[in-house]
Amino acid sequence: MFGFRKKETIDVWLPFRLVPADDDGIDIEVYGSVCCEQVYLYSTFMLTDSEQYENGGYERLLQHLKQPDNRTVKVTFTLKKDKPADGKLDLESLAEAYHDSLFLELELLGWGLFPYSIYEKTLAEQAADKGV
């Protein structure tokens, strides 16, 4: 008979950055070492209230995220065989980091855990498109 392991989760505070995007989404990459592995959690969000795109709320959130101020955000990782298998960015910690409750109105559209940086890949692709 096979035994099932209970899913383990850990909360980790990691740095994050805004990933440049061509749409109205807010793409955030959280990065750092988790269980001795370098991980990159990429999450795409949209505002639940479409009026926030027209009244400046969307731009306000982008301006917050563009600040190079070394803030951190809480991420809950699910572990599989003691390695990160999935992660979820905690929006409450993001709202607290910027003292802006509008972050709580974000809806998660998609996410992924990667062994490489989507941020760096996006910047490299943009530079190649410009011929740099």
N, C-alpha and C. Protein backbone atom coordinates (compact mmCIF):
# COMPACT_ATOMS: atom_id res chain seq x y z
N MET A 1 0.85 -1.17 0.00
CA MET A 1 0.00 0.00 0.00
C MET A 1 0.90 1.24 0.00
N PHE A 2 0.51 2.20 -0.79
CA PHE A 2 1.27 3.43 -0.89
C PHE A 2 0.75 4.46 0.10
N GLY A 3 1.67 5.17 0.69
CA GLY A 3 1.29 6.24 1.61
C GLY A 3 1.25 7.57 0.88
N PHE A 4 0.33 8.40 1.27
CA PHE A 4 0.22 9.73 0.68
C PHE A 4 0.83 10.75 1.62
N ARG A 5 1.60 11.63 1.05
CA ARG A 5 2.19 12.71 1.84
C ARG A 5 1.23 13.88 1.88
N LYS A 6 1.13 14.44 3.04
CA LYS A 6 0.33 15.64 3.19
C LYS A 6 1.04 16.78 2.46
N LYS A 7 0.28 17.62 1.76
CA LYS A 7 0.87 18.76 1.09
C LYS A 7 1.47 19.69 2.13
N GLU A 8 2.70 20.07 1.87
CA GLU A 8 3.36 21.01 2.76
C GLU A 8 3.35 22.38 2.11
N THR A 9 3.14 23.39 2.92
CA THR A 9 3.21 24.76 2.43
C THR A 9 4.13 25.56 3.34
N ILE A 10 4.79 26.54 2.74
CA ILE A 10 5.60 27.46 3.52
C ILE A 10 5.33 28.87 3.03
N ASP A 11 5.39 29.81 3.93
CA ASP A 11 5.27 31.23 3.60
C ASP A 11 6.66 31.84 3.59
N VAL A 12 6.96 32.55 2.50
CA VAL A 12 8.27 33.17 2.33
C VAL A 12 8.06 34.61 1.87
N TRP A 13 8.88 35.52 2.39
CA TRP A 13 8.86 36.91 1.95
C TRP A 13 9.98 37.09 0.94
N LEU A 14 9.62 37.51 -0.27
CA LEU A 14 10.60 37.64 -1.34
C LEU A 14 10.45 38.98 -2.06
N PRO A 15 11.52 39.44 -2.72
CA PRO A 15 11.42 40.65 -3.54
C PRO A 15 10.60 40.38 -4.79
N PHE A 16 10.12 41.45 -5.39
CA PHE A 16 9.29 41.31 -6.59
C PHE A 16 9.53 42.50 -7.50
N ARG A 17 9.07 42.35 -8.75
CA ARG A 17 9.21 43.45 -9.72
C ARG A 17 8.09 43.36 -10.74
N LEU A 18 7.78 44.51 -11.31
CA LEU A 18 6.78 44.61 -12.36
C LEU A 18 7.42 44.16 -13.67
N VAL A 19 6.73 43.29 -14.39
CA VAL A 19 7.20 42.82 -15.69
C VAL A 19 6.51 43.67 -16.76
N PRO A 20 7.28 44.29 -17.66
CA PRO A 20 6.66 45.10 -18.72
C PRO A 20 5.67 44.27 -19.53
N ALA A 21 4.50 44.85 -19.79
CA ALA A 21 3.46 44.14 -20.55
C ALA A 21 2.83 45.09 -21.57
N ASP A 22 2.26 44.50 -22.61
CA ASP A 22 1.63 45.29 -23.67
C ASP A 22 0.11 45.37 -23.52
N ASP A 23 -0.42 44.82 -22.46
CA ASP A 23 -1.87 44.82 -22.28
C ASP A 23 -2.23 45.55 -21.00
N ASP A 24 -3.48 45.41 -20.57
CA ASP A 24 -3.95 46.08 -19.35
C ASP A 24 -3.77 45.22 -18.11
N GLY A 25 -3.00 44.16 -18.22
CA GLY A 25 -2.74 43.32 -17.07
C GLY A 25 -1.61 43.90 -16.23
N ILE A 26 -1.50 43.40 -15.04
CA ILE A 26 -0.39 43.74 -14.16
C ILE A 26 0.37 42.45 -13.93
N ASP A 27 1.58 42.39 -14.47
CA ASP A 27 2.40 41.19 -14.40
C ASP A 27 3.50 41.40 -13.37
N ILE A 28 3.54 40.52 -12.38
CA ILE A 28 4.49 40.64 -11.28
C ILE A 28 5.31 39.37 -11.20
N GLU A 29 6.62 39.55 -11.05
CA GLU A 29 7.50 38.42 -10.85
C GLU A 29 8.11 38.51 -9.45
N VAL A 30 7.93 37.44 -8.71
CA VAL A 30 8.55 37.30 -7.39
C VAL A 30 9.72 36.34 -7.58
N TYR A 31 10.85 36.66 -6.97
CA TYR A 31 12.04 35.84 -7.22
C TYR A 31 12.86 35.68 -5.95
N GLY A 32 13.56 34.58 -5.89
CA GLY A 32 14.43 34.34 -4.74
C GLY A 32 14.68 32.87 -4.52
N SER A 33 15.37 32.58 -3.45
CA SER A 33 15.71 31.21 -3.12
C SER A 33 14.67 30.64 -2.16
N VAL A 34 14.14 29.48 -2.53
CA VAL A 34 13.15 28.79 -1.70
C VAL A 34 13.61 27.33 -1.59
N CYS A 35 13.84 26.89 -0.40
CA CYS A 35 14.32 25.52 -0.16
C CYS A 35 15.59 25.25 -0.98
N CYS A 36 16.49 26.21 -0.98
CA CYS A 36 17.79 26.13 -1.67
C CYS A 36 17.66 26.06 -3.20
N GLU A 37 16.54 26.49 -3.74
CA GLU A 37 16.35 26.56 -5.19
C GLU A 37 15.97 27.96 -5.59
N GLN A 38 16.58 28.46 -6.67
CA GLN A 38 16.20 29.77 -7.20
C GLN A 38 14.88 29.60 -7.96
N VAL A 39 13.87 30.38 -7.59
CA VAL A 39 12.57 30.27 -8.24
C VAL A 39 12.09 31.64 -8.69
N TYR A 40 11.22 31.62 -9.69
CA TYR A 40 10.60 32.82 -10.22
C TYR A 40 9.10 32.53 -10.35
N LEU A 41 8.31 33.23 -9.56
CA LEU A 41 6.85 33.08 -9.62
C LEU A 41 6.30 34.25 -10.43
N TYR A 42 5.67 33.94 -11.53
CA TYR A 42 5.12 34.94 -12.44
C TYR A 42 3.60 34.93 -12.30
N SER A 43 3.01 36.09 -12.02
CA SER A 43 1.56 36.18 -11.85
C SER A 43 1.01 37.34 -12.67
N THR A 44 -0.13 37.10 -13.31
CA THR A 44 -0.81 38.14 -14.08
C THR A 44 -2.14 38.46 -13.41
N PHE A 45 -2.38 39.75 -13.20
CA PHE A 45 -3.60 40.21 -12.54
C PHE A 45 -4.33 41.23 -13.42
N MET A 46 -5.63 41.36 -13.19
CA MET A 46 -6.45 42.41 -13.78
C MET A 46 -7.28 43.01 -12.64
N LEU A 47 -7.65 44.26 -12.80
CA LEU A 47 -8.53 44.89 -11.82
C LEU A 47 -9.95 44.36 -12.00
N THR A 48 -10.63 44.09 -10.91
CA THR A 48 -11.99 43.57 -11.00
C THR A 48 -12.99 44.67 -11.37
N ASP A 49 -12.66 45.91 -11.06
CA ASP A 49 -13.53 47.05 -11.36
C ASP A 49 -12.98 47.77 -12.59
N SER A 50 -13.67 47.63 -13.72
CA SER A 50 -13.17 48.23 -14.97
C SER A 50 -13.09 49.75 -14.91
N GLU A 51 -13.84 50.38 -14.02
CA GLU A 51 -13.77 51.84 -13.88
C GLU A 51 -12.40 52.30 -13.39
N GLN A 52 -11.69 51.42 -12.71
CA GLN A 52 -10.36 51.77 -12.20
C GLN A 52 -9.36 52.02 -13.34
N TYR A 53 -9.66 51.50 -14.52
CA TYR A 53 -8.79 51.76 -15.67
C TYR A 53 -9.00 53.19 -16.19
N GLU A 54 -10.20 53.70 -15.99
CA GLU A 54 -10.54 55.03 -16.49
C GLU A 54 -10.28 56.14 -15.46
N ASN A 55 -10.37 55.82 -14.19
CA ASN A 55 -10.23 56.88 -13.17
C ASN A 55 -8.83 56.96 -12.57
N GLY A 56 -7.85 56.28 -13.15
CA GLY A 56 -6.47 56.40 -12.70
C GLY A 56 -5.98 55.35 -11.74
N GLY A 57 -6.84 54.46 -11.31
CA GLY A 57 -6.44 53.42 -10.36
C GLY A 57 -5.38 52.49 -10.93
N TYR A 58 -5.56 52.09 -12.17
CA TYR A 58 -4.60 51.20 -12.83
C TYR A 58 -3.22 51.85 -12.90
N GLU A 59 -3.17 53.10 -13.32
CA GLU A 59 -1.90 53.82 -13.42
C GLU A 59 -1.25 53.99 -12.05
N ARG A 60 -2.08 54.20 -11.03
CA ARG A 60 -1.55 54.35 -9.67
C ARG A 60 -0.84 53.07 -9.23
N LEU A 61 -1.46 51.91 -9.51
CA LEU A 61 -0.84 50.64 -9.14
C LEU A 61 0.46 50.43 -9.89
N LEU A 62 0.47 50.76 -11.19
CA LEU A 62 1.70 50.63 -11.97
C LEU A 62 2.81 51.51 -11.42
N GLN A 63 2.46 52.74 -11.03
CA GLN A 63 3.47 53.64 -10.48
C GLN A 63 4.06 53.10 -9.18
N HIS A 64 3.20 52.53 -8.33
CA HIS A 64 3.70 51.89 -7.11
C HIS A 64 4.73 50.81 -7.46
N LEU A 65 4.34 49.94 -8.38
CA LEU A 65 5.16 48.77 -8.70
C LEU A 65 6.45 49.13 -9.43
N LYS A 66 6.49 50.29 -10.05
CA LYS A 66 7.70 50.71 -10.76
C LYS A 66 8.75 51.29 -9.82
N GLN A 67 8.39 51.54 -8.58
CA GLN A 67 9.33 52.11 -7.61
C GLN A 67 10.41 51.09 -7.25
N PRO A 68 11.67 51.46 -7.45
CA PRO A 68 12.76 50.53 -7.09
C PRO A 68 13.12 50.67 -5.61
N ASP A 69 12.31 50.09 -4.75
CA ASP A 69 12.50 50.33 -3.33
C ASP A 69 12.72 49.08 -2.49
N ASN A 70 13.02 47.97 -3.12
CA ASN A 70 13.39 46.74 -2.40
C ASN A 70 12.34 46.26 -1.41
N ARG A 71 11.09 46.40 -1.74
CA ARG A 71 10.03 45.86 -0.87
C ARG A 71 9.92 44.35 -1.10
N THR A 72 9.28 43.69 -0.16
CA THR A 72 9.05 42.25 -0.31
C THR A 72 7.57 41.95 -0.18
N VAL A 73 7.19 40.78 -0.65
CA VAL A 73 5.80 40.35 -0.62
C VAL A 73 5.77 38.90 -0.12
N LYS A 74 4.68 38.55 0.53
CA LYS A 74 4.53 37.19 1.05
C LYS A 74 4.03 36.27 -0.07
N VAL A 75 4.66 35.12 -0.17
CA VAL A 75 4.26 34.10 -1.14
C VAL A 75 4.09 32.79 -0.38
N THR A 76 3.00 32.09 -0.65
CA THR A 76 2.79 30.77 -0.07
C THR A 76 3.16 29.73 -1.13
N PHE A 77 4.17 28.94 -0.82
CA PHE A 77 4.63 27.90 -1.73
C PHE A 77 4.11 26.54 -1.27
N THR A 78 3.68 25.74 -2.23
CA THR A 78 3.35 24.34 -1.99
C THR A 78 4.58 23.53 -2.36
N LEU A 79 4.97 22.64 -1.46
CA LEU A 79 6.17 21.84 -1.69
C LEU A 79 5.80 20.42 -2.11
N LYS A 80 6.60 19.91 -3.02
CA LYS A 80 6.46 18.52 -3.45
C LYS A 80 7.86 17.92 -3.37
N LYS A 81 8.02 16.89 -2.57
CA LYS A 81 9.33 16.29 -2.33
C LYS A 81 10.33 17.34 -1.86
N ASP A 82 9.87 18.20 -0.97
CA ASP A 82 10.68 19.25 -0.36
C ASP A 82 11.20 20.30 -1.34
N LYS A 83 10.56 20.43 -2.49
CA LYS A 83 10.92 21.45 -3.48
C LYS A 83 9.67 22.23 -3.84
N PRO A 84 9.81 23.54 -4.16
CA PRO A 84 8.62 24.33 -4.52
C PRO A 84 7.97 23.79 -5.80
N ALA A 85 6.68 23.54 -5.73
CA ALA A 85 5.93 23.02 -6.88
C ALA A 85 4.90 24.03 -7.37
N ASP A 86 4.49 24.94 -6.51
CA ASP A 86 3.50 25.95 -6.87
C ASP A 86 3.63 27.10 -5.88
N GLY A 87 3.13 28.26 -6.26
CA GLY A 87 3.19 29.40 -5.37
C GLY A 87 2.05 30.36 -5.62
N LYS A 88 1.71 31.12 -4.59
CA LYS A 88 0.64 32.11 -4.71
C LYS A 88 1.07 33.38 -4.00
N LEU A 89 1.06 34.48 -4.73
CA LEU A 89 1.39 35.79 -4.18
C LEU A 89 0.24 36.26 -3.31
N ASP A 90 0.56 36.74 -2.14
CA ASP A 90 -0.43 37.21 -1.18
C ASP A 90 -0.73 38.69 -1.43
N LEU A 91 -1.92 38.99 -1.94
CA LEU A 91 -2.27 40.37 -2.28
C LEU A 91 -2.37 41.28 -1.06
N GLU A 92 -2.72 40.73 0.09
CA GLU A 92 -2.79 41.56 1.30
C GLU A 92 -1.42 42.11 1.66
N SER A 93 -0.38 41.30 1.49
CA SER A 93 0.96 41.79 1.79
C SER A 93 1.41 42.83 0.77
N LEU A 94 0.95 42.70 -0.46
CA LEU A 94 1.25 43.70 -1.48
C LEU A 94 0.55 45.02 -1.17
N ALA A 95 -0.70 44.93 -0.76
CA ALA A 95 -1.45 46.13 -0.38
C ALA A 95 -0.80 46.82 0.83
N GLU A 96 -0.33 46.03 1.78
CA GLU A 96 0.34 46.60 2.96
C GLU A 96 1.68 47.24 2.58
N ALA A 97 2.39 46.65 1.63
CA ALA A 97 3.70 47.17 1.23
C ALA A 97 3.58 48.59 0.69
N TYR A 98 2.48 48.88 -0.01
CA TYR A 98 2.30 50.21 -0.61
C TYR A 98 1.22 51.03 0.07
N HIS A 99 0.63 50.51 1.12
CA HIS A 99 -0.45 51.20 1.83
C HIS A 99 -1.56 51.61 0.85
N ASP A 100 -1.95 50.65 0.01
CA ASP A 100 -2.97 50.92 -1.02
C ASP A 100 -3.88 49.71 -1.15
N SER A 101 -5.11 49.84 -0.67
CA SER A 101 -6.06 48.72 -0.69
C SER A 101 -6.56 48.37 -2.09
N LEU A 102 -6.25 49.19 -3.09
CA LEU A 102 -6.66 48.87 -4.46
C LEU A 102 -6.02 47.56 -4.93
N PHE A 103 -4.88 47.20 -4.37
CA PHE A 103 -4.25 45.93 -4.73
C PHE A 103 -5.16 44.74 -4.39
N LEU A 104 -6.04 44.92 -3.41
CA LEU A 104 -6.96 43.85 -3.03
C LEU A 104 -8.04 43.62 -4.06
N GLU A 105 -8.19 44.55 -5.00
CA GLU A 105 -9.19 44.42 -6.06
C GLU A 105 -8.63 43.77 -7.32
N LEU A 106 -7.42 43.23 -7.22
CA LEU A 106 -6.84 42.52 -8.35
C LEU A 106 -7.36 41.09 -8.40
N GLU A 107 -7.57 40.62 -9.61
CA GLU A 107 -8.01 39.24 -9.83
C GLU A 107 -6.88 38.50 -10.52
N LEU A 108 -6.53 37.33 -9.99
CA LEU A 108 -5.48 36.52 -10.57
C LEU A 108 -5.98 35.86 -11.84
N LEU A 109 -5.30 36.11 -12.96
CA LEU A 109 -5.67 35.50 -14.24
C LEU A 109 -4.85 34.26 -14.55
N GLY A 110 -3.59 34.28 -14.14
CA GLY A 110 -2.73 33.14 -14.41
C GLY A 110 -1.42 33.28 -13.67
N TRP A 111 -0.74 32.17 -13.48
CA TRP A 111 0.52 32.19 -12.77
C TRP A 111 1.34 30.98 -13.17
N GLY A 112 2.60 31.04 -12.87
CA GLY A 112 3.48 29.91 -13.14
C GLY A 112 4.76 30.04 -12.33
N LEU A 113 5.33 28.93 -12.02
CA LEU A 113 6.59 28.86 -11.29
C LEU A 113 7.65 28.42 -12.29
N PHE A 114 8.69 29.24 -12.44
CA PHE A 114 9.69 29.00 -13.48
C PHE A 114 11.09 28.91 -12.89
N PRO A 115 11.99 28.19 -13.59
CA PRO A 115 13.39 28.14 -13.16
C PRO A 115 14.21 29.30 -13.75
N TYR A 116 13.56 30.17 -14.51
CA TYR A 116 14.23 31.31 -15.13
C TYR A 116 13.33 32.54 -14.98
N SER A 117 13.91 33.71 -15.23
CA SER A 117 13.19 34.96 -15.04
C SER A 117 12.42 35.37 -16.29
N ILE A 118 11.12 35.52 -16.16
CA ILE A 118 10.30 36.04 -17.25
C ILE A 118 10.62 37.52 -17.45
N TYR A 119 10.93 38.23 -16.38
CA TYR A 119 11.29 39.63 -16.45
C TYR A 119 12.51 39.82 -17.34
N GLU A 120 13.57 39.08 -17.06
CA GLU A 120 14.80 39.21 -17.85
C GLU A 120 14.58 38.77 -19.29
N LYS A 121 13.79 37.72 -19.49
CA LYS A 121 13.49 37.25 -20.85
C LYS A 121 12.72 38.32 -21.62
N THR A 122 11.75 38.97 -20.97
CA THR A 122 10.96 40.02 -21.62
C THR A 122 11.84 41.20 -22.00
N LEU A 123 12.73 41.61 -21.10
CA LEU A 123 13.63 42.73 -21.41
C LEU A 123 14.56 42.37 -22.57
N ALA A 124 15.06 41.15 -22.61
CA ALA A 124 15.94 40.71 -23.70
C ALA A 124 15.19 40.70 -25.03
N GLU A 125 13.94 40.24 -25.02
CA GLU A 125 13.14 40.23 -26.24
C GLU A 125 12.83 41.64 -26.72
N GLN A 126 12.54 42.54 -25.80
CA GLN A 126 12.27 43.93 -26.18
C GLN A 126 13.51 44.59 -26.76
N ALA A 127 14.67 44.30 -26.20
CA ALA A 127 15.92 44.85 -26.71
C ALA A 127 16.21 44.29 -28.11
N ALA A 128 15.94 43.00 -28.33
CA ALA A 128 16.16 42.40 -29.64
C ALA A 128 15.22 43.01 -30.68
N ASP A 129 13.98 43.29 -30.28
CA ASP A 129 13.02 43.90 -31.20
C ASP A 129 13.47 45.29 -31.62
N LYS A 130 14.15 45.98 -30.72
CA LYS A 130 14.63 47.33 -31.01
C LYS A 130 15.98 47.32 -31.70
N GLY A 131 16.58 46.12 -31.82
CA GLY A 131 17.87 46.00 -32.46
C GLY A 131 19.03 46.41 -31.61
N VAL A 132 18.84 46.33 -30.28
CA VAL A 132 19.92 46.73 -29.36
C VAL A 132 20.85 45.56 -29.12
